[in-house]
Protein backbone atom coordinates (compact mmCIF):
# COMPACT_ATOMS: atom_id res chain seq x y z
CA UNK A 1 -44.37 20.99 -12.18
CA UNK A 2 -42.06 22.64 -14.72
CA UNK A 3 -40.00 24.08 -11.86
CA UNK A 4 -39.70 20.63 -10.29
CA UNK A 5 -38.50 19.08 -13.56
CA UNK A 6 -35.93 21.85 -14.00
CA UNK A 7 -34.76 21.36 -10.41
CA UNK A 8 -34.34 17.60 -10.92
CA UNK A 9 -32.51 18.13 -14.22
CA UNK A 10 -30.17 20.68 -12.64
CA UNK A 11 -29.53 18.37 -9.68
CA UNK A 12 -28.70 15.43 -11.95
CA UNK A 13 -26.35 17.61 -13.98
CA UNK A 14 -24.64 18.83 -10.80
CA UNK A 15 -24.12 15.27 -9.55
CA UNK A 16 -22.82 14.26 -13.00
CA UNK A 17 -20.30 17.09 -13.07
CA UNK A 18 -19.27 16.40 -9.49
CA UNK A 19 -18.78 12.73 -10.34
CA UNK A 20 -16.64 13.64 -13.34
CA UNK A 21 -14.56 16.01 -11.23
CA UNK A 22 -14.02 13.37 -8.55
CA UNK A 23 -13.07 10.84 -11.24
CA UNK A 24 -10.52 13.21 -12.73
CA UNK A 25 -8.97 13.92 -9.34
CA UNK A 26 -9.13 10.34 -8.13
CA UNK A 27 -8.91 8.28 -11.31
CA UNK A 28 -7.10 5.51 -9.45
CA UNK A 29 -8.72 4.12 -6.28
CA UNK A 30 -6.19 3.27 -3.56
CA UNK A 31 -8.13 0.06 -2.81
CA UNK A 32 -9.08 -1.32 -6.23
CA UNK A 33 -12.38 -3.22 -6.55
CA UNK A 34 -12.40 -6.26 -8.85
CA UNK A 35 -15.05 -4.49 -10.95
CA UNK A 36 -12.74 -1.49 -11.51
CA UNK A 37 -9.98 -3.71 -12.86
CA UNK A 38 -12.44 -5.57 -15.07
CA UNK A 39 -13.62 -2.31 -16.65
CA UNK A 40 -10.11 -0.89 -17.11
CA UNK A 41 -8.30 -4.02 -18.32
CA UNK A 42 -7.96 -2.75 -21.90
CA UNK A 43 -6.74 0.71 -20.86
CA UNK A 44 -3.33 1.20 -22.56
CA UNK A 45 -2.04 2.98 -19.44
CA UNK A 46 -2.86 0.09 -17.13
CA UNK A 47 0.12 -1.65 -15.48
CA UNK A 48 -0.42 -4.73 -13.28
CA UNK A 49 2.25 -5.70 -10.75
CA UNK A 50 2.46 -9.11 -9.06
CA UNK A 51 4.76 -9.15 -6.00
CA UNK A 52 4.65 -12.90 -5.33
CA UNK A 53 7.66 -15.20 -5.65
CA UNK A 54 8.74 -15.88 -9.23
CA UNK A 55 8.14 -19.64 -9.05
CA UNK A 56 4.57 -19.09 -7.84
CA UNK A 57 4.05 -16.37 -10.46
CA UNK A 58 5.02 -18.80 -13.24
CA UNK A 59 2.34 -21.25 -12.10
CA UNK A 60 -0.37 -18.67 -12.81
CA UNK A 61 -0.93 -14.91 -12.67
CA UNK A 62 -3.15 -12.16 -14.03
CA UNK A 63 -2.87 -11.57 -17.77
CA UNK A 64 -0.26 -8.86 -18.59
CA UNK A 65 1.02 -8.81 -15.00
CA UNK A 66 4.70 -8.00 -14.40
CA UNK A 67 6.46 -9.93 -11.65
CA UNK A 68 8.30 -7.97 -8.93
CA UNK A 69 9.05 -10.47 -6.14
CA UNK A 70 8.87 -8.44 -2.97
CA UNK A 71 12.11 -9.65 -1.34
CA UNK A 72 14.04 -9.47 -4.60
CA UNK A 73 12.90 -6.06 -5.77
CA UNK A 74 11.19 -4.06 -3.01
CA UNK A 75 13.62 -4.42 -0.10
CA UNK A 76 17.35 -3.82 0.09
CA UNK A 77 18.31 -7.03 1.87
CA UNK A 78 21.91 -5.88 2.25
CA UNK A 79 20.80 -2.71 4.03
CA UNK A 80 18.56 -3.89 6.85
CA UNK A 81 15.50 -4.46 4.60
CA UNK A 82 15.23 -0.76 3.82
CA UNK A 83 14.04 0.95 0.63
CA UNK A 84 16.19 0.04 -2.42
CA UNK A 85 18.43 2.67 -4.01
CA UNK A 86 16.71 5.26 -6.19
CA UNK A 87 18.59 4.28 -9.37
CA UNK A 88 17.55 0.66 -8.90
CA UNK A 89 13.88 1.60 -8.46
CA UNK A 90 13.97 3.90 -11.48
CA UNK A 91 15.19 1.05 -13.68
CA UNK A 92 12.79 -1.42 -12.07
CA UNK A 93 9.75 0.76 -12.73
CA UNK A 94 10.90 1.65 -16.26
CA UNK A 95 11.36 -2.03 -17.20
CA UNK A 96 7.86 -2.73 -15.89
CA UNK A 97 6.45 -0.25 -18.39
CA UNK A 98 5.65 2.45 -15.85
CA UNK A 99 5.74 6.17 -16.63
CA UNK A 100 3.90 9.26 -15.39
CA UNK A 101 0.67 8.27 -17.18
CA UNK A 102 0.49 4.73 -15.80
CA UNK A 103 -2.44 3.48 -13.74
CA UNK A 104 -0.88 0.78 -11.54
CA UNK A 105 -2.73 -2.07 -9.86
CA UNK A 106 -0.63 -4.20 -7.52
CA UNK A 107 -1.57 -7.53 -5.99
CA UNK A 108 0.10 -10.30 -4.02
CA UNK A 109 -0.83 -13.38 -2.05
CA UNK A 110 -3.25 -13.70 0.87
CA UNK A 111 -0.96 -11.48 2.97
CA UNK A 112 -1.89 -8.16 1.37
CA UNK A 113 0.83 -6.27 3.19
CA UNK A 114 3.52 -7.35 0.67
CA UNK A 115 1.62 -5.71 -2.18
CA UNK A 116 1.13 -2.65 0.03
CA UNK A 117 4.92 -2.34 0.17
CA UNK A 118 4.88 -1.59 -3.57
CA UNK A 119 2.04 0.91 -3.07
CA UNK A 120 4.05 2.83 -0.47
CA UNK A 121 7.22 2.82 -2.56
CA UNK A 122 5.28 4.22 -5.51
CA UNK A 123 3.93 7.01 -3.32
CA UNK A 124 7.43 7.82 -2.06
CA UNK A 125 8.62 7.99 -5.67
CA UNK A 126 5.88 10.50 -6.42
CA UNK A 127 3.57 8.24 -8.44
CA UNK A 128 0.06 8.74 -7.07
CA UNK A 129 -1.91 6.68 -9.60
CA UNK A 130 -1.45 3.35 -7.86
CA UNK A 131 -3.87 1.06 -6.06
CA UNK A 132 -3.92 -2.23 -4.19
CA UNK A 133 -6.26 -4.90 -5.57
CA UNK A 134 -8.86 -5.53 -2.88
CA UNK A 135 -8.18 -9.28 -2.82
CA UNK A 136 -5.14 -11.51 -2.78
CA UNK A 137 -4.41 -13.64 -5.85
CA UNK A 138 -7.10 -16.24 -6.47
CA UNK A 139 -9.49 -14.90 -3.83
CA UNK A 140 -11.94 -13.65 -6.46
CA UNK A 141 -14.58 -15.79 -8.12
CA UNK A 142 -13.36 -18.12 -10.87
CA UNK A 143 -13.41 -16.35 -14.20
CA UNK A 144 -13.74 -12.85 -12.74
CA UNK A 145 -10.26 -11.90 -14.00
CA UNK A 146 -8.10 -13.40 -16.79
CA UNK A 147 -5.40 -15.76 -15.52
CA UNK A 148 -2.49 -17.12 -17.56
CA UNK A 149 0.95 -18.73 -17.36
CA UNK A 150 2.24 -16.75 -20.35
CA UNK A 151 5.05 -14.29 -19.54
CA UNK A 152 4.27 -10.75 -20.65
CA UNK A 153 7.08 -8.39 -21.67
CA UNK A 154 6.00 -4.74 -21.32
CA UNK A 155 7.27 -1.90 -23.47
CA UNK A 156 10.21 -0.11 -21.84
CA UNK A 157 9.22 3.31 -20.45
CA UNK A 158 11.14 6.16 -18.83
CA UNK A 159 10.06 6.41 -15.20
CA UNK A 160 11.20 9.63 -13.52
CA UNK A 161 11.08 9.53 -9.69
CA UNK A 162 9.83 12.64 -7.88
CA UNK A 163 10.60 11.73 -4.28
CA UNK A 164 7.99 12.78 -1.73
CA UNK A 165 9.87 13.06 1.56
CA UNK A 166 6.63 13.51 3.51
CA UNK A 167 5.88 9.80 2.98
CA UNK A 168 9.10 8.46 4.53
CA UNK A 169 10.59 8.88 8.02
CA UNK A 170 14.06 8.33 9.48
CA UNK A 171 15.31 7.03 12.82
CA UNK A 172 16.15 10.55 13.98
CA UNK A 173 12.74 11.81 12.91
CA UNK A 174 11.01 9.12 14.96
CA UNK A 175 13.22 9.82 17.97
CA UNK A 176 12.27 13.50 17.86
CA UNK A 177 8.58 12.75 17.27
CA UNK A 178 7.97 10.83 20.49
CA UNK A 179 5.31 12.59 22.53
CA UNK A 180 4.67 15.13 19.75
CA UNK A 181 3.30 13.03 16.93
CA UNK A 182 1.36 9.79 16.83
CA UNK A 183 3.49 6.68 16.34
CA UNK A 184 1.84 3.42 15.32
CA UNK A 185 3.38 -0.04 15.53
CA UNK A 186 1.86 -2.27 12.84
CA UNK A 187 3.24 -5.57 14.11
CA UNK A 188 1.12 -8.36 15.64
CA UNK A 189 0.43 -7.82 19.34
CA UNK A 190 2.95 -10.43 20.53
CA UNK A 191 5.74 -8.45 18.85
CA UNK A 192 4.44 -5.15 20.27
CA UNK A 193 4.34 -6.68 23.78
CA UNK A 194 7.92 -7.88 23.51
CA UNK A 195 7.17 -11.60 23.36
CA UNK A 196 8.67 -11.97 19.88
CA UNK A 197 11.18 -10.02 17.79
CA UNK A 198 13.33 -10.42 14.70
CA UNK A 199 15.73 -7.82 16.12
CA UNK A 200 18.12 -8.23 19.05
CA UNK A 201 15.83 -6.37 21.42
CA UNK A 202 12.17 -6.97 22.30
CA UNK A 203 9.40 -4.42 22.81
CA UNK A 204 8.23 -1.32 20.94
CA UNK A 205 9.09 2.34 20.44
CA UNK A 206 7.99 4.39 23.48
CA UNK A 207 4.54 6.06 23.09
CA UNK A 208 3.70 3.86 20.08
CA UNK A 209 0.15 2.55 19.71
CA UNK A 210 -0.52 -0.92 18.31
CA UNK A 211 -2.62 -1.23 15.14
CA UNK A 212 -1.53 -4.51 13.46
CA UNK A 213 -1.45 -4.32 9.68
CA UNK A 214 -3.27 -7.65 9.44
CA UNK A 215 -6.28 -5.93 11.04
CA UNK A 216 -7.01 -4.18 7.74
CA UNK A 217 -8.21 -7.30 5.91
CA UNK A 218 -10.30 -10.43 6.35
CA UNK A 219 -9.13 -14.01 5.93
CA UNK A 220 -11.74 -15.77 3.80
CA UNK A 221 -13.09 -19.27 4.54
CA UNK A 222 -11.19 -20.72 1.57
CA UNK A 223 -7.88 -19.27 2.80
CA UNK A 224 -7.94 -16.18 0.57
CA UNK A 225 -8.07 -12.59 1.74
CA UNK A 226 -9.97 -9.37 1.11
CA UNK A 227 -9.65 -5.84 2.42
CA UNK A 228 -12.24 -4.71 4.95
CA UNK A 229 -14.77 -2.24 3.60
CA UNK A 230 -14.34 1.49 4.12
CA UNK A 231 -16.86 1.63 6.99
CA UNK A 232 -15.04 -1.07 8.94
CA UNK A 233 -11.72 0.69 8.36
CA UNK A 234 -13.13 4.02 9.53
CA UNK A 235 -14.35 2.34 12.71
CA UNK A 236 -10.96 0.72 13.25
CA UNK A 237 -9.11 4.05 13.21
CA UNK A 238 -11.87 6.30 14.58
CA UNK A 239 -9.89 7.29 17.70
CA UNK A 240 -6.97 8.76 15.77
CA UNK A 241 -7.03 12.56 15.29
CA UNK A 242 -6.65 13.87 11.76
CA UNK A 243 -4.85 17.06 12.79
CA UNK A 244 -1.62 15.27 13.71
CA UNK A 245 0.92 13.55 11.52
CA UNK A 246 1.16 9.79 12.04
CA UNK A 247 4.41 7.82 11.82
CA UNK A 248 4.09 4.12 11.03
CA UNK A 249 6.51 1.28 11.55
CA UNK A 250 6.49 -2.51 11.86
CA UNK A 251 9.19 -5.17 11.69
CA UNK A 252 10.42 -4.49 8.16
CA UNK A 253 8.11 -1.92 6.57
CA UNK A 254 5.34 -4.09 5.07
CA UNK A 255 2.60 -4.05 7.75
CA UNK A 256 3.30 -0.33 8.11
CA UNK A 257 2.81 0.10 4.36
CA UNK A 258 -0.67 -1.43 4.56
CA UNK A 259 -1.52 0.86 7.48
CA UNK A 260 -0.18 3.75 5.39
CA UNK A 261 -2.45 2.88 2.46
CA UNK A 262 -5.53 2.68 4.67
CA UNK A 263 -4.82 5.83 6.68
CA UNK A 264 -4.08 7.82 3.53
CA UNK A 265 -7.35 6.56 2.03
CA UNK A 266 -9.19 7.74 5.15
CA UNK A 267 -7.67 11.22 4.94
CA UNK A 268 -4.85 10.99 7.51
CA UNK A 269 -1.34 12.35 7.00
CA UNK A 270 1.00 9.41 7.43
CA UNK A 271 4.58 8.40 6.76
CA UNK A 272 6.50 5.14 7.16
CA UNK A 273 9.67 4.79 9.21
CA UNK A 274 11.78 2.96 6.66
CA UNK A 275 14.16 1.28 9.11
CA UNK A 276 11.28 0.09 11.32
CA UNK A 277 11.95 -2.31 14.20
CA UNK A 278 14.82 -4.10 12.44
CA UNK A 279 16.77 -0.84 12.74
CA UNK A 280 15.38 0.48 16.03
CA UNK A 281 15.45 -2.86 17.83
CA UNK A 282 19.08 -3.44 16.88
CA UNK A 283 20.31 -0.05 18.10
CA UNK A 284 21.14 -0.27 21.80
CA UNK A 285 21.27 3.53 22.07
CA UNK A 286 17.54 3.94 21.37
CA UNK A 287 14.80 3.67 24.03
CA UNK A 288 12.26 0.85 24.04
CA UNK A 289 9.12 -0.05 26.00
CA UNK A 290 7.48 -3.35 26.78
């Protein structure tokens, strides 16, 4: 009996230490449950980013959220919707109160892929402590999180980018990867099949598989959205091998960013082709398939 009690006590201690170790290594979940944000709301290192349009943001947002409209701040519209310049992003993150100690939660509207764009950019800039709120704005139960119309001004910080080139891919890299690495097209199936396109040409990159970014989340009956649970996501990507690097693209880099978040959460090595189809589909020298 004494041996059994000692065994149970030792087992509980082992699980406790293991839990603490996992928490230290993974203090920021990549898909953030509502309950996690509730329990960390008063953490001085918490930074909340809202990527919705500024006029919508002003009508209501999470308390202490900083507005970074996705098409104003997270794309370079003058350069084919690619990643903004490094100096611009450094200033953007610093003004939002982000530094190396920040725990960042990002959210957007019912299309979770726009918030995922911020997640991917943060990873490229070397900031790992970032997560996507599991639901789009307003999809949670009333009163679950504090909402306000007051504009919050964060304290200016000094964000220092540490670019991780393994998270971003170029046109040349994708061209060389065909047949050697896995390429995933995150656009809706009608774009993949060549029925629609925002570029001059229609189709997809040869050898690319189609895993639409919108397949990572549910549309709720009230029009909101929520990420699928981890078991559903594992099932969705179960046929992909984990011993090969995966290159992701979509139309402009947003659906691919959501695929990136999920695959990275599941333990895959993934990168996003920054130019995506808007670059590839407008270059007549590159091969396409339909």
